Amino acid sequence: MNKQEIQKILDALPDDVTVEDVMYRLYVLDKHENAMKDIP
């Protein structure tokens, strides 16, 4: 995940999002990306 992708994710979140919400979203997306790399 690069800086531009993270900025796009942040822009899509509501203004009242918490730090925990952001961290969770990034964690899930990172796990998903890594899992997709493992699929042949």
C-alpha atoms as a PDB file:
ATOM      1  CA  MET A   1       0.000   0.000   0.000  1.00  0.00           C
ATOM      2  CA  ASN A   2       1.487   3.339  -0.980  1.00  0.00           C
ATOM      3  CA  LYS A   3       0.896   6.899   0.176  1.00  0.00           C
ATOM      4  CA  GLN A   4      -1.578   7.691  -2.608  1.00  0.00           C
ATOM      5  CA  GLU A   5      -3.682   4.618  -1.809  1.00  0.00           C
ATOM      6  CA  ILE A   6      -3.757   5.534   1.878  1.00  0.00           C
ATOM      7  CA  GLN A   7      -4.767   9.114   1.050  1.00  0.00           C
ATOM      8  CA  LYS A   8      -7.628   7.802  -1.104  1.00  0.00           C
ATOM      9  CA  ILE A   9      -8.828   5.594   1.782  1.00  0.00           C
ATOM     10  CA  LEU A  10      -8.645   8.521   4.224  1.00  0.00           C
ATOM     11  CA  ASP A  11     -10.557  10.794   1.864  1.00  0.00           C
ATOM     12  CA  ALA A  12     -13.389   8.239   1.664  1.00  0.00           C
ATOM     13  CA  LEU A  13     -13.833   8.094   5.449  1.00  0.00           C
ATOM     14  CA  PRO A  14     -16.263  10.364   7.300  1.00  0.00           C
ATOM     15  CA  ASP A  15     -14.968  13.479   9.060  1.00  0.00           C
ATOM     16  CA  ASP A  16     -15.710  12.074  12.523  1.00  0.00           C
ATOM     17  CA  VAL A  17     -13.631   8.917  12.047  1.00  0.00           C
ATOM     18  CA  THR A  18     -11.440   7.884  14.967  1.00  0.00           C
ATOM     19  CA  VAL A  19      -7.779   6.931  14.855  1.00  0.00           C
ATOM     20  CA  GLU A  20      -8.810   3.405  15.838  1.00  0.00           C
ATOM     21  CA  ASP A  21     -11.194   3.237  12.859  1.00  0.00           C
ATOM     22  CA  VAL A  22      -8.440   4.338  10.493  1.00  0.00           C
ATOM     23  CA  MET A  23      -5.944   1.853  11.928  1.00  0.00           C
ATOM     24  CA  TYR A  24      -8.470  -0.976  11.686  1.00  0.00           C
ATOM     25  CA  ARG A  25      -9.326  -0.129   8.073  1.00  0.00           C
ATOM     26  CA  LEU A  26      -5.653  -0.028   7.090  1.00  0.00           C
ATOM     27  CA  TYR A  27      -4.974  -3.284   8.950  1.00  0.00           C
ATOM     28  CA  VAL A  28      -7.802  -5.118   7.187  1.00  0.00           C
ATOM     29  CA  LEU A  29      -6.838  -3.794   3.762  1.00  0.00           C
ATOM     30  CA  ASP A  30      -3.192  -4.736   4.319  1.00  0.00           C
ATOM     31  CA  LYS A  31      -4.155  -8.278   5.357  1.00  0.00           C
ATOM     32  CA  HIS A  32      -6.418  -8.567   2.315  1.00  0.00           C
ATOM     33  CA  GLU A  33      -3.671  -7.391  -0.066  1.00  0.00           C
ATOM     34  CA  ASN A  34      -1.169  -9.823   1.440  1.00  0.00           C
ATOM     35  CA  ALA A  35      -3.639 -12.701   1.229  1.00  0.00           C
ATOM     36  CA  MET A  36      -4.333 -11.926  -2.431  1.00  0.00           C
ATOM     37  CA  LYS A  37      -0.580 -12.092  -3.169  1.00  0.00           C
ATOM     38  CA  ASP A  38      -0.465 -15.605  -1.747  1.00  0.00           C
ATOM     39  CA  ILE A  39      -3.106 -16.919  -4.162  1.00  0.00           C
ATOM     40  CA  PRO A  40      -1.479 -18.491  -7.224  1.00  0.00           C
END
